[in-house]
Amino acid sequence: MKEEWGKTLDDILWFGTREYKITTDLAQFLDFEYNNGFGDQVVAKDLNLVGEGFWLERHEYDGSERWEYKTIPKTPSETRGYLKANLGCWNTLEEINTKEEFE
């Protein structure tokens, strides 16, 4: 695993998909030569590795695949009463709810 995440295989609690867990030993399951450069996708796209408060999920773009490190977001201290969430292509909630052009 990437050093920047500060995690090792020992930090993984379970792995599998959103529908089921896999019982094979993780180190054995992931024991193969891997090149995350461009080419064909090698690792199953629905495989997730799950630890305490984080998970790794597969992502692929244009033949280059990678693990993405995800954590459960912290609850923000600020709250807002937005009314709209679905107007404006590629806009943020802030942009949608404050720009007059979307009203």
PDB file of N, CA and C in Angstrom:
ATOM      1  N   MET A   1       0.843  -1.180   0.000  1.00  0.00           N
ATOM      2  CA  MET A   1       0.000   0.000   0.000  1.00  0.00           C
ATOM      3  C   MET A   1       0.881   1.234   0.000  1.00  0.00           C
ATOM      4  N   LYS A   2       0.302   2.327  -0.419  1.00  0.00           N
ATOM      5  CA  LYS A   2       1.073   3.554  -0.514  1.00  0.00           C
ATOM      6  C   LYS A   2       1.494   4.046   0.867  1.00  0.00           C
ATOM      7  N   GLU A   3       2.731   4.467   0.959  1.00  0.00           N
ATOM      8  CA  GLU A   3       3.269   4.980   2.203  1.00  0.00           C
ATOM      9  C   GLU A   3       2.522   6.231   2.675  1.00  0.00           C
ATOM     10  N   GLU A   4       2.056   7.047   1.729  1.00  0.00           N
ATOM     11  CA  GLU A   4       1.365   8.298   2.080  1.00  0.00           C
ATOM     12  C   GLU A   4       0.077   8.061   2.867  1.00  0.00           C
ATOM     13  N   TRP A   5      -0.523   6.883   2.733  1.00  0.00           N
ATOM     14  CA  TRP A   5      -1.757   6.586   3.453  1.00  0.00           C
ATOM     15  C   TRP A   5      -1.478   6.163   4.893  1.00  0.00           C
ATOM     16  N   GLY A   6      -0.266   5.725   5.180  1.00  0.00           N
ATOM     17  CA  GLY A   6       0.073   5.263   6.526  1.00  0.00           C
ATOM     18  C   GLY A   6      -0.628   3.976   6.900  1.00  0.00           C
ATOM     19  N   LYS A   7      -0.935   3.137   5.926  1.00  0.00           N
ATOM     20  CA  LYS A   7      -1.648   1.878   6.148  1.00  0.00           C
ATOM     21  C   LYS A   7      -0.838   0.722   5.570  1.00  0.00           C
ATOM     22  N   THR A   8      -1.051  -0.473   6.128  1.00  0.00           N
ATOM     23  CA  THR A   8      -0.451  -1.693   5.596  1.00  0.00           C
ATOM     24  C   THR A   8      -1.563  -2.707   5.392  1.00  0.00           C
ATOM     25  N   LEU A   9      -1.235  -3.867   4.830  1.00  0.00           N
ATOM     26  CA  LEU A   9      -2.248  -4.920   4.666  1.00  0.00           C
ATOM     27  C   LEU A   9      -2.832  -5.349   6.006  1.00  0.00           C
ATOM     28  N   ASP A  10      -2.073  -5.180   7.097  1.00  0.00           N
ATOM     29  CA  ASP A  10      -2.590  -5.530   8.430  1.00  0.00           C
ATOM     30  C   ASP A  10      -3.748  -4.633   8.856  1.00  0.00           C
ATOM     31  N   ASP A  11      -3.888  -3.469   8.236  1.00  0.00           N
ATOM     32  CA  ASP A  11      -4.982  -2.543   8.569  1.00  0.00           C
ATOM     33  C   ASP A  11      -6.292  -2.895   7.869  1.00  0.00           C
ATOM     34  N   ILE A  12      -6.263  -3.825   6.936  1.00  0.00           N
ATOM     35  CA  ILE A  12      -7.473  -4.223   6.216  1.00  0.00           C
ATOM     36  C   ILE A  12      -8.287  -5.184   7.081  1.00  0.00           C
ATOM     37  N   LEU A  13      -9.554  -4.823   7.349  1.00  0.00           N
ATOM     38  CA  LEU A  13     -10.444  -5.661   8.163  1.00  0.00           C
ATOM     39  C   LEU A  13     -11.144  -6.724   7.319  1.00  0.00           C
ATOM     40  N   TRP A  14     -11.546  -6.350   6.113  1.00  0.00           N
ATOM     41  CA  TRP A  14     -12.178  -7.293   5.190  1.00  0.00           C
ATOM     42  C   TRP A  14     -12.050  -6.753   3.773  1.00  0.00           C
ATOM     43  N   PHE A  15     -12.269  -7.608   2.806  1.00  0.00           N
ATOM     44  CA  PHE A  15     -12.240  -7.187   1.416  1.00  0.00           C
ATOM     45  C   PHE A  15     -13.249  -7.975   0.624  1.00  0.00           C
ATOM     46  N   GLY A  16     -13.687  -7.390  -0.483  1.00  0.00           N
ATOM     47  CA  GLY A  16     -14.697  -8.005  -1.329  1.00  0.00           C
ATOM     48  C   GLY A  16     -15.394  -6.924  -2.132  1.00  0.00           C
ATOM     49  N   THR A  17     -16.694  -7.093  -2.323  1.00  0.00           N
ATOM     50  CA  THR A  17     -17.493  -6.112  -3.049  1.00  0.00           C
ATOM     51  C   THR A  17     -18.533  -5.536  -2.096  1.00  0.00           C
ATOM     52  N   ARG A  18     -19.412  -4.712  -2.600  1.00  0.00           N
ATOM     53  CA  ARG A  18     -20.488  -4.175  -1.763  1.00  0.00           C
ATOM     54  C   ARG A  18     -21.515  -5.255  -1.415  1.00  0.00           C
ATOM     55  N   GLU A  19     -21.492  -6.367  -2.136  1.00  0.00           N
ATOM     56  CA  GLU A  19     -22.470  -7.440  -1.927  1.00  0.00           C
ATOM     57  C   GLU A  19     -21.941  -8.607  -1.080  1.00  0.00           C
ATOM     58  N   TYR A  20     -20.622  -8.837  -1.070  1.00  0.00           N
ATOM     59  CA  TYR A  20     -20.092  -9.990  -0.336  1.00  0.00           C
ATOM     60  C   TYR A  20     -18.630  -9.792   0.045  1.00  0.00           C
ATOM     61  N   LYS A  21     -18.209 -10.534   1.088  1.00  0.00           N
ATOM     62  CA  LYS A  21     -16.816 -10.547   1.519  1.00  0.00           C
ATOM     63  C   LYS A  21     -16.119 -11.753   0.896  1.00  0.00           C
ATOM     64  N   ILE A  22     -14.809 -11.670   0.769  1.00  0.00           N
ATOM     65  CA  ILE A  22     -14.010 -12.771   0.242  1.00  0.00           C
ATOM     66  C   ILE A  22     -13.227 -13.368   1.404  1.00  0.00           C
ATOM     67  N   THR A  23     -13.197 -14.712   1.497  1.00  0.00           N
ATOM     68  CA  THR A  23     -12.571 -15.372   2.634  1.00  0.00           C
ATOM     69  C   THR A  23     -11.109 -15.753   2.408  1.00  0.00           C
ATOM     70  N   THR A  24     -10.613 -15.626   1.196  1.00  0.00           N
ATOM     71  CA  THR A  24      -9.225 -15.947   0.904  1.00  0.00           C
ATOM     72  C   THR A  24      -8.297 -15.017   1.679  1.00  0.00           C
ATOM     73  N   ASP A  25      -7.122 -15.496   2.076  1.00  0.00           N
ATOM     74  CA  ASP A  25      -6.127 -14.657   2.721  1.00  0.00           C
ATOM     75  C   ASP A  25      -5.764 -13.508   1.772  1.00  0.00           C
ATOM     76  N   LEU A  26      -5.822 -12.265   2.260  1.00  0.00           N
ATOM     77  CA  LEU A  26      -5.625 -11.092   1.409  1.00  0.00           C
ATOM     78  C   LEU A  26      -4.257 -11.098   0.729  1.00  0.00           C
ATOM     79  N   ALA A  27      -3.204 -11.408   1.468  1.00  0.00           N
ATOM     80  CA  ALA A  27      -1.865 -11.414   0.877  1.00  0.00           C
ATOM     81  C   ALA A  27      -1.785 -12.420  -0.264  1.00  0.00           C
ATOM     82  N   GLN A  28      -2.393 -13.587  -0.084  1.00  0.00           N
ATOM     83  CA  GLN A  28      -2.410 -14.610  -1.136  1.00  0.00           C
ATOM     84  C   GLN A  28      -3.258 -14.143  -2.320  1.00  0.00           C
ATOM     85  N   PHE A  29      -4.374 -13.515  -2.023  1.00  0.00           N
ATOM     86  CA  PHE A  29      -5.300 -13.060  -3.052  1.00  0.00           C
ATOM     87  C   PHE A  29      -4.659 -12.005  -3.957  1.00  0.00           C
ATOM     88  N   LEU A  30      -3.829 -11.153  -3.371  1.00  0.00           N
ATOM     89  CA  LEU A  30      -3.206 -10.064  -4.120  1.00  0.00           C
ATOM     90  C   LEU A  30      -1.782 -10.379  -4.567  1.00  0.00           C
ATOM     91  N   ASP A  31      -1.375 -11.639  -4.505  1.00  0.00           N
ATOM     92  CA  ASP A  31      -0.009 -12.041  -4.853  1.00  0.00           C
ATOM     93  C   ASP A  31       0.125 -12.249  -6.357  1.00  0.00           C
ATOM     94  N   PHE A  32       0.408 -11.175  -7.094  1.00  0.00           N
ATOM     95  CA  PHE A  32       0.646 -11.259  -8.532  1.00  0.00           C
ATOM     96  C   PHE A  32       1.418 -10.020  -8.964  1.00  0.00           C
ATOM     97  N   GLU A  33       2.060 -10.108 -10.112  1.00  0.00           N
ATOM     98  CA  GLU A  33       2.785  -8.961 -10.669  1.00  0.00           C
ATOM     99  C   GLU A  33       1.773  -7.954 -11.189  1.00  0.00           C
ATOM    100  N   TYR A  34       1.985  -6.690 -10.866  1.00  0.00           N
ATOM    101  CA  TYR A  34       1.008  -5.668 -11.204  1.00  0.00           C
ATOM    102  C   TYR A  34       1.724  -4.419 -11.707  1.00  0.00           C
ATOM    103  N   ASN A  35       1.220  -3.854 -12.781  1.00  0.00           N
ATOM    104  CA  ASN A  35       1.734  -2.608 -13.321  1.00  0.00           C
ATOM    105  C   ASN A  35       0.540  -1.656 -13.437  1.00  0.00           C
ATOM    106  N   ASN A  36       0.565  -0.575 -12.673  1.00  0.00           N
ATOM    107  CA  ASN A  36      -0.593   0.329 -12.690  1.00  0.00           C
ATOM    108  C   ASN A  36      -0.537   1.351 -13.811  1.00  0.00           C
ATOM    109  N   GLY A  37       0.349   1.150 -14.766  1.00  0.00           N
ATOM    110  CA  GLY A  37       0.437   2.054 -15.909  1.00  0.00           C
ATOM    111  C   GLY A  37      -0.674   1.781 -16.910  1.00  0.00           C
ATOM    112  N   PHE A  38      -0.524   2.328 -18.091  1.00  0.00           N
ATOM    113  CA  PHE A  38      -1.545   2.178 -19.118  1.00  0.00           C
ATOM    114  C   PHE A  38      -1.569   0.754 -19.659  1.00  0.00           C
ATOM    115  N   GLY A  39      -2.727   0.291 -20.043  1.00  0.00           N
ATOM    116  CA  GLY A  39      -2.914  -1.059 -20.550  1.00  0.00           C
ATOM    117  C   GLY A  39      -4.282  -1.559 -20.141  1.00  0.00           C
ATOM    118  N   ASP A  40      -4.452  -2.857 -20.132  1.00  0.00           N
ATOM    119  CA  ASP A  40      -5.731  -3.448 -19.740  1.00  0.00           C
ATOM    120  C   ASP A  40      -5.902  -3.416 -18.227  1.00  0.00           C
ATOM    121  N   GLN A  41      -7.161  -3.321 -17.793  1.00  0.00           N
ATOM    122  CA  GLN A  41      -7.462  -3.393 -16.369  1.00  0.00           C
ATOM    123  C   GLN A  41      -7.185  -4.805 -15.891  1.00  0.00           C
ATOM    124  N   VAL A  42      -6.465  -4.946 -14.790  1.00  0.00           N
ATOM    125  CA  VAL A  42      -6.055  -6.246 -14.286  1.00  0.00           C
ATOM    126  C   VAL A  42      -6.849  -6.646 -13.047  1.00  0.00           C
ATOM    127  N   VAL A  43      -7.067  -5.701 -12.132  1.00  0.00           N
ATOM    128  CA  VAL A  43      -7.764  -5.983 -10.881  1.00  0.00           C
ATOM    129  C   VAL A  43      -9.260  -5.738 -11.075  1.00  0.00           C
ATOM    130  N   ALA A  44     -10.090  -6.620 -10.522  1.00  0.00           N
ATOM    131  CA  ALA A  44     -11.552  -6.497 -10.655  1.00  0.00           C
ATOM    132  C   ALA A  44     -12.021  -5.108 -10.241  1.00  0.00           C
ATOM    133  N   LYS A  45     -12.872  -4.512 -11.058  1.00  0.00           N
ATOM    134  CA  LYS A  45     -13.299  -3.130 -10.827  1.00  0.00           C
ATOM    135  C   LYS A  45     -14.177  -2.949  -9.595  1.00  0.00           C
ATOM    136  N   ASP A  46     -14.766  -4.017  -9.078  1.00  0.00           N
ATOM    137  CA  ASP A  46     -15.638  -3.879  -7.912  1.00  0.00           C
ATOM    138  C   ASP A  46     -14.977  -4.321  -6.603  1.00  0.00           C
ATOM    139  N   LEU A  47     -13.665  -4.571  -6.628  1.00  0.00           N
ATOM    140  CA  LEU A  47     -12.949  -5.002  -5.430  1.00  0.00           C
ATOM    141  C   LEU A  47     -12.686  -3.808  -4.517  1.00  0.00           C
ATOM    142  N   ASN A  48     -13.035  -3.946  -3.247  1.00  0.00           N
ATOM    143  CA  ASN A  48     -12.778  -2.931  -2.222  1.00  0.00           C
ATOM    144  C   ASN A  48     -12.001  -3.564  -1.081  1.00  0.00           C
ATOM    145  N   LEU A  49     -11.060  -2.816  -0.520  1.00  0.00           N
ATOM    146  CA  LEU A  49     -10.332  -3.226   0.681  1.00  0.00           C
ATOM    147  C   LEU A  49     -10.785  -2.283   1.780  1.00  0.00           C
ATOM    148  N   VAL A  50     -11.297  -2.822   2.896  1.00  0.00           N
ATOM    149  CA  VAL A  50     -11.944  -1.996   3.915  1.00  0.00           C
ATOM    150  C   VAL A  50     -11.210  -2.113   5.240  1.00  0.00           C
ATOM    151  N   GLY A  51     -10.908  -0.953   5.836  1.00  0.00           N
ATOM    152  CA  GLY A  51     -10.290  -0.893   7.156  1.00  0.00           C
ATOM    153  C   GLY A  51     -11.128  -0.032   8.082  1.00  0.00           C
ATOM    154  N   GLU A  52     -10.608   0.244   9.261  1.00  0.00           N
ATOM    155  CA  GLU A  52     -11.313   1.061  10.242  1.00  0.00           C
ATOM    156  C   GLU A  52     -11.335   2.515   9.773  1.00  0.00           C
ATOM    157  N   GLY A  53     -12.491   3.011   9.336  1.00  0.00           N
ATOM    158  CA  GLY A  53     -12.652   4.394   8.921  1.00  0.00           C
ATOM    159  C   GLY A  53     -12.131   4.715   7.529  1.00  0.00           C
ATOM    160  N   PHE A  54     -11.742   3.704   6.749  1.00  0.00           N
ATOM    161  CA  PHE A  54     -11.269   3.962   5.394  1.00  0.00           C
ATOM    162  C   PHE A  54     -11.559   2.763   4.507  1.00  0.00           C
ATOM    163  N   TRP A  55     -11.474   2.991   3.205  1.00  0.00           N
ATOM    164  CA  TRP A  55     -11.539   1.900   2.251  1.00  0.00           C
ATOM    165  C   TRP A  55     -10.751   2.282   1.013  1.00  0.00           C
ATOM    166  N   LEU A  56     -10.335   1.280   0.266  1.00  0.00           N
ATOM    167  CA  LEU A  56      -9.669   1.470  -1.012  1.00  0.00           C
ATOM    168  C   LEU A  56     -10.580   0.903  -2.079  1.00  0.00           C
ATOM    169  N   GLU A  57     -10.798   1.672  -3.129  1.00  0.00           N
ATOM    170  CA  GLU A  57     -11.631   1.176  -4.220  1.00  0.00           C
ATOM    171  C   GLU A  57     -10.898   1.354  -5.541  1.00  0.00           C
ATOM    172  N   ARG A  58     -11.255   0.526  -6.499  1.00  0.00           N
ATOM    173  CA  ARG A  58     -10.607   0.525  -7.803  1.00  0.00           C
ATOM    174  C   ARG A  58     -11.134   1.651  -8.677  1.00  0.00           C
ATOM    175  N   HIS A  59     -10.232   2.270  -9.395  1.00  0.00           N
ATOM    176  CA  HIS A  59     -10.604   3.260 -10.397  1.00  0.00           C
ATOM    177  C   HIS A  59      -9.732   3.052 -11.611  1.00  0.00           C
ATOM    178  N   GLU A  60     -10.311   3.298 -12.760  1.00  0.00           N
ATOM    179  CA  GLU A  60      -9.593   3.141 -14.019  1.00  0.00           C
ATOM    180  C   GLU A  60      -9.984   4.292 -14.921  1.00  0.00           C
ATOM    181  N   TYR A  61      -9.006   4.843 -15.612  1.00  0.00           N
ATOM    182  CA  TYR A  61      -9.297   5.878 -16.591  1.00  0.00           C
ATOM    183  C   TYR A  61      -8.366   5.689 -17.776  1.00  0.00           C
ATOM    184  N   ASP A  62      -8.947   5.470 -18.928  1.00  0.00           N
ATOM    185  CA  ASP A  62      -8.190   5.391 -20.172  1.00  0.00           C
ATOM    186  C   ASP A  62      -7.042   4.379 -20.102  1.00  0.00           C
ATOM    187  N   GLY A  63      -7.299   3.244 -19.463  1.00  0.00           N
ATOM    188  CA  GLY A  63      -6.312   2.177 -19.414  1.00  0.00           C
ATOM    189  C   GLY A  63      -5.351   2.244 -18.246  1.00  0.00           C
ATOM    190  N   SER A  64      -5.410   3.280 -17.439  1.00  0.00           N
ATOM    191  CA  SER A  64      -4.549   3.392 -16.268  1.00  0.00           C
ATOM    192  C   SER A  64      -5.412   3.160 -15.034  1.00  0.00           C
ATOM    193  N   GLU A  65      -5.077   2.136 -14.252  1.00  0.00           N
ATOM    194  CA  GLU A  65      -5.894   1.846 -13.073  1.00  0.00           C
ATOM    195  C   GLU A  65      -5.120   2.154 -11.809  1.00  0.00           C
ATOM    196  N   ARG A  66      -5.877   2.351 -10.729  1.00  0.00           N
ATOM    197  CA  ARG A  66      -5.256   2.716  -9.457  1.00  0.00           C
ATOM    198  C   ARG A  66      -6.207   2.398  -8.303  1.00  0.00           C
ATOM    199  N   TRP A  67      -5.669   2.395  -7.101  1.00  0.00           N
ATOM    200  CA  TRP A  67      -6.466   2.339  -5.886  1.00  0.00           C
ATOM    201  C   TRP A  67      -6.721   3.777  -5.453  1.00  0.00           C
ATOM    202  N   GLU A  68      -7.946   4.086  -5.066  1.00  0.00           N
ATOM    203  CA  GLU A  68      -8.249   5.387  -4.486  1.00  0.00           C
ATOM    204  C   GLU A  68      -8.543   5.195  -3.009  1.00  0.00           C
ATOM    205  N   TYR A  69      -7.874   5.984  -2.183  1.00  0.00           N
ATOM    206  CA  TYR A  69      -8.021   5.925  -0.734  1.00  0.00           C
ATOM    207  C   TYR A  69      -9.184   6.824  -0.343  1.00  0.00           C
ATOM    208  N   LYS A  70     -10.161   6.260   0.354  1.00  0.00           N
ATOM    209  CA  LYS A  70     -11.355   6.999   0.763  1.00  0.00           C
ATOM    210  C   LYS A  70     -11.496   6.921   2.282  1.00  0.00           C
ATOM    211  N   THR A  71     -11.923   8.013   2.886  1.00  0.00           N
ATOM    212  CA  THR A  71     -12.211   8.017   4.314  1.00  0.00           C
ATOM    213  C   THR A  71     -13.616   8.562   4.532  1.00  0.00           C
ATOM    214  N   ILE A  72     -14.173   8.221   5.654  1.00  0.00           N
ATOM    215  CA  ILE A  72     -15.491   8.731   6.005  1.00  0.00           C
ATOM    216  C   ILE A  72     -15.330  10.220   6.314  1.00  0.00           C
ATOM    217  N   PRO A  73     -16.099  11.086   5.661  1.00  0.00           N
ATOM    218  CA  PRO A  73     -15.929  12.530   5.888  1.00  0.00           C
ATOM    219  C   PRO A  73     -16.287  12.919   7.318  1.00  0.00           C
ATOM    220  N   LYS A  74     -15.573  13.905   7.838  1.00  0.00           N
ATOM    221  CA  LYS A  74     -15.905  14.455   9.152  1.00  0.00           C
ATOM    222  C   LYS A  74     -17.135  15.345   8.998  1.00  0.00           C
ATOM    223  N   THR A  75     -18.007  15.338   9.984  1.00  0.00           N
ATOM    224  CA  THR A  75     -19.201  16.176   9.951  1.00  0.00           C
ATOM    225  C   THR A  75     -18.787  17.639  10.114  1.00  0.00           C
ATOM    226  N   PRO A  76     -19.132  18.485   9.159  1.00  0.00           N
ATOM    227  CA  PRO A  76     -18.770  19.902   9.258  1.00  0.00           C
ATOM    228  C   PRO A  76     -19.498  20.586  10.410  1.00  0.00           C
ATOM    229  N   SER A  77     -18.881  21.619  10.951  1.00  0.00           N
ATOM    230  CA  SER A  77     -19.520  22.368  12.044  1.00  0.00           C
ATOM    231  C   SER A  77     -20.518  23.389  11.508  1.00  0.00           C
ATOM    232  N   GLU A  78     -20.333  23.836  10.266  1.00  0.00           N
ATOM    233  CA  GLU A  78     -21.235  24.812   9.653  1.00  0.00           C
ATOM    234  C   GLU A  78     -22.408  24.107   8.976  1.00  0.00           C
ATOM    235  N   THR A  79     -23.589  24.706   9.069  1.00  0.00           N
ATOM    236  CA  THR A  79     -24.762  24.173   8.369  1.00  0.00           C
ATOM    237  C   THR A  79     -25.345  25.267   7.480  1.00  0.00           C
ATOM    238  N   ARG A  80     -26.002  24.829   6.406  1.00  0.00           N
ATOM    239  CA  ARG A  80     -26.636  25.760   5.474  1.00  0.00           C
ATOM    240  C   ARG A  80     -27.988  25.189   5.069  1.00  0.00           C
ATOM    241  N   GLY A  81     -28.916  26.068   4.710  1.00  0.00           N
ATOM    242  CA  GLY A  81     -30.253  25.652   4.318  1.00  0.00           C
ATOM    243  C   GLY A  81     -30.473  25.763   2.818  1.00  0.00           C
ATOM    244  N   TYR A  82     -29.736  25.035   2.041  1.00  0.00           N
ATOM    245  CA  TYR A  82     -29.899  25.089   0.587  1.00  0.00           C
ATOM    246  C   TYR A  82     -31.236  24.493   0.171  1.00  0.00           C
ATOM    247  N   LEU A  83     -31.797  25.031  -0.905  1.00  0.00           N
ATOM    248  CA  LEU A  83     -33.075  24.561  -1.420  1.00  0.00           C
ATOM    249  C   LEU A  83     -32.920  23.749  -2.698  1.00  0.00           C
ATOM    250  N   LYS A  84     -31.819  23.932  -3.411  1.00  0.00           N
ATOM    251  CA  LYS A  84     -31.650  23.285  -4.708  1.00  0.00           C
ATOM    252  C   LYS A  84     -30.358  22.471  -4.735  1.00  0.00           C
ATOM    253  N   ALA A  85     -30.415  21.345  -5.429  1.00  0.00           N
ATOM    254  CA  ALA A  85     -29.213  20.517  -5.567  1.00  0.00           C
ATOM    255  C   ALA A  85     -29.029  19.994  -6.978  1.00  0.00           C
ATOM    256  N   ASN A  86     -29.978  20.259  -7.868  1.00  0.00           N
ATOM    257  CA  ASN A  86     -29.951  19.588  -9.171  1.00  0.00           C
ATOM    258  C   ASN A  86     -29.965  20.517 -10.370  1.00  0.00           C
ATOM    259  N   LEU A  87     -29.568  21.748 -10.195  1.00  0.00           N
ATOM    260  CA  LEU A  87     -29.563  22.673 -11.332  1.00  0.00           C
ATOM    261  C   LEU A  87     -28.134  23.081 -11.662  1.00  0.00           C
ATOM    262  N   GLY A  88     -27.809  23.100 -12.931  1.00  0.00           N
ATOM    263  CA  GLY A  88     -26.497  23.574 -13.333  1.00  0.00           C
ATOM    264  C   GLY A  88     -25.504  22.454 -13.511  1.00  0.00           C
ATOM    265  N   CYS A  89     -25.086  22.260 -14.714  1.00  0.00           N
ATOM    266  CA  CYS A  89     -24.138  21.205 -15.023  1.00  0.00           C
ATOM    267  C   CYS A  89     -22.763  21.547 -14.450  1.00  0.00           C
ATOM    268  N   TRP A  90     -22.159  20.643 -13.718  1.00  0.00           N
ATOM    269  CA  TRP A  90     -20.807  20.774 -13.149  1.00  0.00           C
ATOM    270  C   TRP A  90     -20.678  21.926 -12.169  1.00  0.00           C
ATOM    271  N   ASN A  91     -21.755  22.280 -11.510  1.00  0.00           N
ATOM    272  CA  ASN A  91     -21.703  23.343 -10.517  1.00  0.00           C
ATOM    273  C   ASN A  91     -21.736  22.760  -9.112  1.00  0.00           C
ATOM    274  N   THR A  92     -21.233  23.532  -8.158  1.00  0.00           N
ATOM    275  CA  THR A  92     -21.268  23.122  -6.758  1.00  0.00           C
ATOM    276  C   THR A  92     -22.606  23.525  -6.148  1.00  0.00           C
ATOM    277  N   LEU A  93     -22.905  23.007  -4.974  1.00  0.00           N
ATOM    278  CA  LEU A  93     -24.123  23.423  -4.271  1.00  0.00           C
ATOM    279  C   LEU A  93     -24.115  24.923  -4.017  1.00  0.00           C
ATOM    280  N   GLU A  94     -22.962  25.454  -3.642  1.00  0.00           N
ATOM    281  CA  GLU A  94     -22.850  26.888  -3.391  1.00  0.00           C
ATOM    282  C   GLU A  94     -23.198  27.685  -4.639  1.00  0.00           C
ATOM    283  N   GLU A  95     -22.655  27.293  -5.786  1.00  0.00           N
ATOM    284  CA  GLU A  95     -22.933  28.002  -7.037  1.00  0.00           C
ATOM    285  C   GLU A  95     -24.403  27.905  -7.423  1.00  0.00           C
ATOM    286  N   ILE A  96     -24.979  26.726  -7.277  1.00  0.00           N
ATOM    287  CA  ILE A  96     -26.383  26.516  -7.654  1.00  0.00           C
ATOM    288  C   ILE A  96     -27.318  27.362  -6.808  1.00  0.00           C
ATOM    289  N   ASN A  97     -27.010  27.510  -5.533  1.00  0.00           N
ATOM    290  CA  ASN A  97     -27.915  28.185  -4.622  1.00  0.00           C
ATOM    291  C   ASN A  97     -27.653  29.676  -4.449  1.00  0.00           C
ATOM    292  N   THR A  98     -26.596  30.220  -5.070  1.00  0.00           N
ATOM    293  CA  THR A  98     -26.315  31.645  -4.903  1.00  0.00           C
ATOM    294  C   THR A  98     -26.344  32.424  -6.206  1.00  0.00           C
ATOM    295  N   LYS A  99     -26.260  31.777  -7.339  1.00  0.00           N
ATOM    296  CA  LYS A  99     -26.250  32.500  -8.613  1.00  0.00           C
ATOM    297  C   LYS A  99     -27.678  32.704  -9.119  1.00  0.00           C
ATOM    298  N   GLU A 100     -27.960  33.900  -9.519  1.00  0.00           N
ATOM    299  CA  GLU A 100     -29.293  34.227 -10.020  1.00  0.00           C
ATOM    300  C   GLU A 100     -29.623  33.507 -11.311  1.00  0.00           C
ATOM    301  N   GLU A 101     -28.625  33.198 -12.119  1.00  0.00           N
ATOM    302  CA  GLU A 101     -28.886  32.566 -13.424  1.00  0.00           C
ATOM    303  C   GLU A 101     -29.531  31.185 -13.289  1.00  0.00           C
ATOM    304  N   PHE A 102     -29.449  30.561 -12.120  1.00  0.00           N
ATOM    305  CA  PHE A 102     -30.028  29.240 -11.932  1.00  0.00           C
ATOM    306  C   PHE A 102     -31.444  29.310 -11.358  1.00  0.00           C
ATOM    307  N   GLU A 103     -31.923  30.515 -11.068  1.00  0.00           N
ATOM    308  CA  GLU A 103     -33.260  30.651 -10.455  1.00  0.00           C
ATOM    309  C   GLU A 103     -34.349  30.657 -11.477  1.00  0.00           C
TER     310      GLU A 103
END
